[in-house]
Amino acid sequence: MNNNDTTHGKITNLDEFKEAFSANIVLPLVGCHESDCDKRGDEQRYTCVVHNGDHQKSLCINITKKTVYCHSCHFTGSFLDLFFE
């Protein structure tokens, strides 16, 4: 956003809205708790909350890219997509 922007810091499109959602906000709301997390660099793995898990940590969260992928049910999306799933 530049100084000539008249939005005054407001989110003006869906991409900006998705970008505003961070892992520490969304993950606890959908049932992914840090105590159940395996951390590997920028990635965190959880039991999948989309397909109610299979006792393996197949849900991969990339904190830097803000992406979500389940290696079991193949759910793919952003933190916001995960929240609304």
Protein backbone atom coordinates (compact mmCIF):
# COMPACT_ATOMS: atom_id res chain seq x y z
CA MET A 1 0.00 0.00 0.00
CA ASN A 2 1.44 3.38 -0.94
CA ASN A 3 0.85 6.81 0.56
CA ASN A 4 -1.60 7.73 -2.23
CA ASP A 5 -3.86 4.76 -1.42
CA THR A 6 -7.28 5.91 -0.21
CA THR A 7 -8.20 2.64 1.53
CA HIS A 8 -6.62 3.76 4.83
CA GLY A 9 -5.26 0.31 5.64
CA LYS A 10 -8.53 -1.52 5.00
CA ILE A 11 -8.64 -4.92 3.32
CA THR A 12 -10.00 -4.38 -0.19
CA ASN A 13 -10.02 -7.83 -1.80
CA LEU A 14 -10.23 -11.54 -1.02
CA ASP A 15 -6.49 -12.15 -1.43
CA GLU A 16 -5.70 -9.49 1.19
CA PHE A 17 -8.38 -10.99 3.45
CA LYS A 18 -6.83 -14.47 3.15
CA GLU A 19 -3.37 -13.03 3.81
CA ALA A 20 -4.60 -11.43 7.05
CA PHE A 21 -5.43 -14.82 8.57
CA SER A 22 -2.47 -16.23 10.46
CA ALA A 23 -1.87 -19.75 11.72
CA ASN A 24 -2.02 -18.77 15.38
CA ILE A 25 -5.55 -17.41 14.83
CA VAL A 26 -7.05 -20.11 12.59
CA LEU A 27 -5.45 -23.37 13.75
CA PRO A 28 -6.82 -23.41 17.32
CA LEU A 29 -10.28 -22.46 16.00
CA VAL A 30 -10.39 -25.53 13.74
CA GLY A 31 -9.01 -27.92 16.36
CA CYS A 32 -5.29 -27.96 15.53
CA HIS A 33 -3.51 -27.49 18.85
CA GLU A 34 0.21 -26.92 19.30
CA SER A 35 0.45 -29.80 21.76
CA ASP A 36 -0.55 -32.18 18.92
CA CYS A 37 1.83 -30.65 16.38
CA ASP A 38 4.96 -32.06 14.76
CA LYS A 39 7.12 -29.16 13.58
CA ARG A 40 9.53 -29.51 10.66
CA GLY A 41 11.02 -26.16 9.67
CA ASP A 42 8.28 -23.98 8.20
CA GLU A 43 5.85 -26.90 8.26
CA GLN A 44 3.58 -28.13 11.00
CA ARG A 45 1.76 -31.46 10.86
CA TYR A 46 -1.51 -32.32 12.56
CA THR A 47 -4.13 -35.03 12.47
CA CYS A 48 -6.45 -33.86 9.69
CA VAL A 49 -9.48 -31.93 10.91
CA VAL A 50 -11.08 -32.07 7.44
CA HIS A 51 -11.56 -35.83 7.27
CA ASN A 52 -11.48 -36.23 11.08
CA GLY A 53 -8.04 -37.80 11.06
CA ASP A 54 -6.74 -41.27 10.66
CA HIS A 55 -4.42 -41.13 13.69
CA GLN A 56 -1.57 -39.96 11.46
CA LYS A 57 -0.43 -36.40 11.12
CA SER A 58 -1.29 -36.04 7.44
CA LEU A 59 -2.41 -32.38 7.52
CA CYS A 60 0.59 -30.26 6.54
CA ILE A 61 0.52 -26.54 7.33
CA ASN A 62 3.16 -24.35 5.71
CA ILE A 63 3.46 -21.31 7.96
CA THR A 64 5.52 -19.23 5.52
CA LYS A 65 3.38 -19.90 2.44
CA LYS A 66 0.15 -19.95 4.48
CA THR A 67 -0.98 -23.12 2.75
CA VAL A 68 -2.67 -26.30 3.93
CA TYR A 69 -2.48 -29.77 2.37
CA CYS A 70 -3.66 -33.16 3.63
CA HIS A 71 -1.64 -36.09 2.32
CA SER A 72 -4.58 -38.40 3.04
CA CYS A 73 -7.79 -36.68 1.86
CA HIS A 74 -5.95 -34.22 -0.46
CA PHE A 75 -7.60 -31.10 0.95
CA THR A 76 -5.71 -28.10 -0.42
CA GLY A 77 -6.15 -24.46 0.46
CA SER A 78 -5.31 -21.46 2.58
CA PHE A 79 -5.84 -20.97 6.31
CA LEU A 80 -9.15 -19.29 5.46
CA ASP A 81 -10.21 -22.26 3.31
CA LEU A 82 -9.43 -24.57 6.23
CA PHE A 83 -11.49 -22.41 8.58
CA PHE A 84 -14.56 -22.62 6.33
CA GLU A 85 -14.15 -26.32 5.54
